[in-house]
Amino acid sequence: QGATILLVEAGFGSGSSREHAPQAIKRAGFKALIGESFAEIFFGNATAIGLPCVTLAPEDLEVLFQAVEEDPALEVEVDLLAKEVRFGDRTAPLSIPEAAREALVEGLWDPIGELLEAGELLDEFDRRLPYPRRAE
């Protein structure tokens, strides 16, 4: 109760091709997921709403699972800058695709917001496309 990091097993999110799955997890108060692997579409949908999904080596994940089982109140920290997960007196290197990590760290995980901010750049790009123009 009160956890903000969800520990998951391999292939988490398989069969969840809609954005509702990561949205429900985020609305439940989780701020990050740690697992062995994630379904590709789930990972993309989670990243798009600012919900980091990081992986640990199986042996590190097993140690983390055991530590949390022994102490459910154990503080677990996901540090995207240092690329590590810290818990108790342990530190484990995390993996996340670099583009996703950068987007999450820089706050650029909102593609619609980025498009809205691009404004004139998009207009210029649109003018260079070889497609028929709509009447203005």
Protein backbone atom coordinates (compact mmCIF):
# COMPACT_ATOMS: atom_id res chain seq x y z
CA GLN A 1 0.00 0.00 0.00
CA GLY A 2 1.30 3.43 -0.95
CA ALA A 3 3.87 2.03 -3.37
CA THR A 4 4.81 4.21 -6.33
CA ILE A 5 6.98 1.67 -8.17
CA LEU A 6 5.41 -1.45 -9.64
CA LEU A 7 7.59 -4.56 -9.86
CA VAL A 8 6.60 -6.79 -12.76
CA GLU A 9 7.70 -10.00 -14.46
CA ALA A 10 8.92 -10.67 -18.01
CA GLY A 11 6.79 -9.57 -20.94
CA PHE A 12 4.69 -7.22 -18.85
CA GLY A 13 1.96 -5.53 -20.85
CA SER A 14 1.62 -8.29 -23.45
CA GLY A 15 -1.85 -8.11 -24.91
CA SER A 16 -2.25 -4.49 -23.81
CA SER A 17 -2.06 -2.65 -27.11
CA ARG A 18 -4.31 0.18 -25.95
CA GLU A 19 -3.16 3.16 -23.97
CA HIS A 20 -5.66 2.41 -21.20
CA ALA A 21 -3.38 -0.13 -19.49
CA PRO A 22 -0.53 2.26 -18.65
CA GLN A 23 -3.03 5.05 -17.95
CA ALA A 24 -4.72 2.89 -15.30
CA ILE A 25 -1.36 2.12 -13.72
CA LYS A 26 -0.45 5.81 -13.62
CA ARG A 27 -3.86 6.77 -12.22
CA ALA A 28 -3.34 4.17 -9.48
CA GLY A 29 -0.37 6.28 -8.34
CA PHE A 30 2.56 4.37 -9.80
CA LYS A 31 5.42 6.52 -11.09
CA ALA A 32 7.65 3.81 -12.59
CA LEU A 33 7.72 0.11 -13.46
CA ILE A 34 10.68 -2.21 -12.98
CA GLY A 35 10.74 -5.57 -14.73
CA GLU A 36 12.69 -8.02 -16.84
CA SER A 37 11.02 -7.00 -20.12
CA PHE A 38 8.00 -5.12 -21.45
CA ALA A 39 5.72 -5.59 -24.44
CA GLU A 40 6.76 -3.08 -27.10
CA ILE A 41 3.39 -1.37 -27.52
CA PHE A 42 2.83 -1.17 -23.77
CA PHE A 43 6.31 0.34 -23.35
CA GLY A 44 5.60 3.00 -25.99
CA ASN A 45 2.22 3.87 -24.51
CA ALA A 46 3.72 4.12 -21.02
CA THR A 47 6.57 6.33 -22.20
CA ALA A 48 4.08 8.57 -24.03
CA ILE A 49 2.41 9.42 -20.71
CA GLY A 50 5.65 9.85 -18.76
CA LEU A 51 5.61 6.47 -17.03
CA PRO A 52 9.14 4.97 -17.09
CA CYS A 53 9.47 1.23 -17.69
CA VAL A 54 12.98 0.11 -16.82
CA THR A 55 14.52 -3.33 -16.89
CA LEU A 56 17.01 -5.02 -14.60
CA ALA A 57 19.13 -8.09 -15.18
CA PRO A 58 17.16 -11.16 -14.03
CA GLU A 59 19.48 -11.75 -11.06
CA ASP A 60 19.14 -8.11 -9.89
CA LEU A 61 15.39 -8.26 -10.32
CA GLU A 62 15.22 -11.44 -8.23
CA VAL A 63 17.20 -9.77 -5.43
CA LEU A 64 14.85 -6.77 -5.59
CA PHE A 65 11.74 -8.98 -5.49
CA GLN A 66 13.13 -10.82 -2.44
CA ALA A 67 14.11 -7.59 -0.68
CA VAL A 68 10.63 -6.09 -1.14
CA GLU A 69 8.97 -9.33 -0.07
CA GLU A 70 11.03 -9.29 3.14
CA ASP A 71 10.36 -5.57 3.72
CA PRO A 72 7.30 -4.26 1.85
CA ALA A 73 8.09 -0.73 3.08
CA LEU A 74 11.58 -0.84 1.53
CA GLU A 75 12.35 2.38 -0.34
CA VAL A 76 13.12 1.75 -4.01
CA GLU A 77 14.45 4.54 -6.21
CA VAL A 78 14.65 4.65 -10.00
CA ASP A 79 17.33 7.12 -11.10
CA LEU A 80 17.12 7.70 -14.85
CA LEU A 81 20.05 10.14 -14.82
CA ALA A 82 22.43 7.69 -13.15
CA LYS A 83 20.76 4.74 -14.93
CA GLU A 84 20.36 2.75 -11.73
CA VAL A 85 17.84 1.39 -9.26
CA ARG A 86 18.67 1.77 -5.58
CA PHE A 87 17.13 -0.20 -2.72
CA GLY A 88 18.43 -0.91 0.75
CA ASP A 89 22.22 -0.93 0.50
CA ARG A 90 22.17 -2.15 -3.11
CA THR A 91 22.45 -0.48 -6.48
CA ALA A 92 21.60 -2.21 -9.75
CA PRO A 93 22.16 -0.85 -13.27
CA LEU A 94 18.92 -0.31 -15.16
CA SER A 95 18.26 -0.50 -18.87
CA ILE A 96 15.93 1.69 -20.89
CA PRO A 97 16.20 2.69 -24.56
CA GLU A 98 18.21 5.90 -24.69
CA ALA A 99 15.57 7.82 -26.67
CA ALA A 100 12.94 7.00 -24.04
CA ARG A 101 15.30 7.88 -21.19
CA GLU A 102 16.15 11.24 -22.75
CA ALA A 103 12.49 12.03 -23.42
CA LEU A 104 11.55 11.23 -19.83
CA VAL A 105 14.50 13.12 -18.32
CA GLU A 106 13.98 16.17 -20.56
CA GLY A 107 10.21 16.13 -20.14
CA LEU A 108 9.72 15.62 -23.88
CA TRP A 109 7.52 12.56 -23.64
CA ASP A 110 4.38 14.45 -24.73
CA PRO A 111 4.35 14.23 -28.55
CA ILE A 112 1.22 16.37 -28.94
CA GLY A 113 2.72 19.08 -26.74
CA GLU A 114 5.91 18.96 -28.80
CA LEU A 115 3.93 19.34 -32.03
CA LEU A 116 2.00 22.30 -30.64
CA GLU A 117 5.24 23.98 -29.57
CA ALA A 118 6.87 23.39 -32.96
CA GLY A 119 4.42 25.78 -34.69
CA GLU A 120 6.43 27.57 -37.38
CA LEU A 121 8.81 24.64 -37.86
CA LEU A 122 5.85 22.45 -38.79
CA ASP A 123 4.50 25.09 -41.16
CA GLU A 124 7.90 25.29 -42.89
CA PHE A 125 8.12 21.50 -43.10
CA ASP A 126 4.59 21.38 -44.53
CA ARG A 127 5.52 23.92 -47.24
CA ARG A 128 8.42 21.70 -48.36
CA LEU A 129 6.30 18.57 -48.74
CA PRO A 130 5.48 17.67 -52.36
CA TYR A 131 1.76 17.28 -51.64
CA PRO A 132 -1.06 19.41 -53.02
CA ARG A 133 -1.88 22.31 -50.72
CA ARG A 134 -5.26 22.96 -49.27
CA ALA A 135 -6.85 26.32 -49.94
CA GLU A 136 -6.15 28.85 -47.22
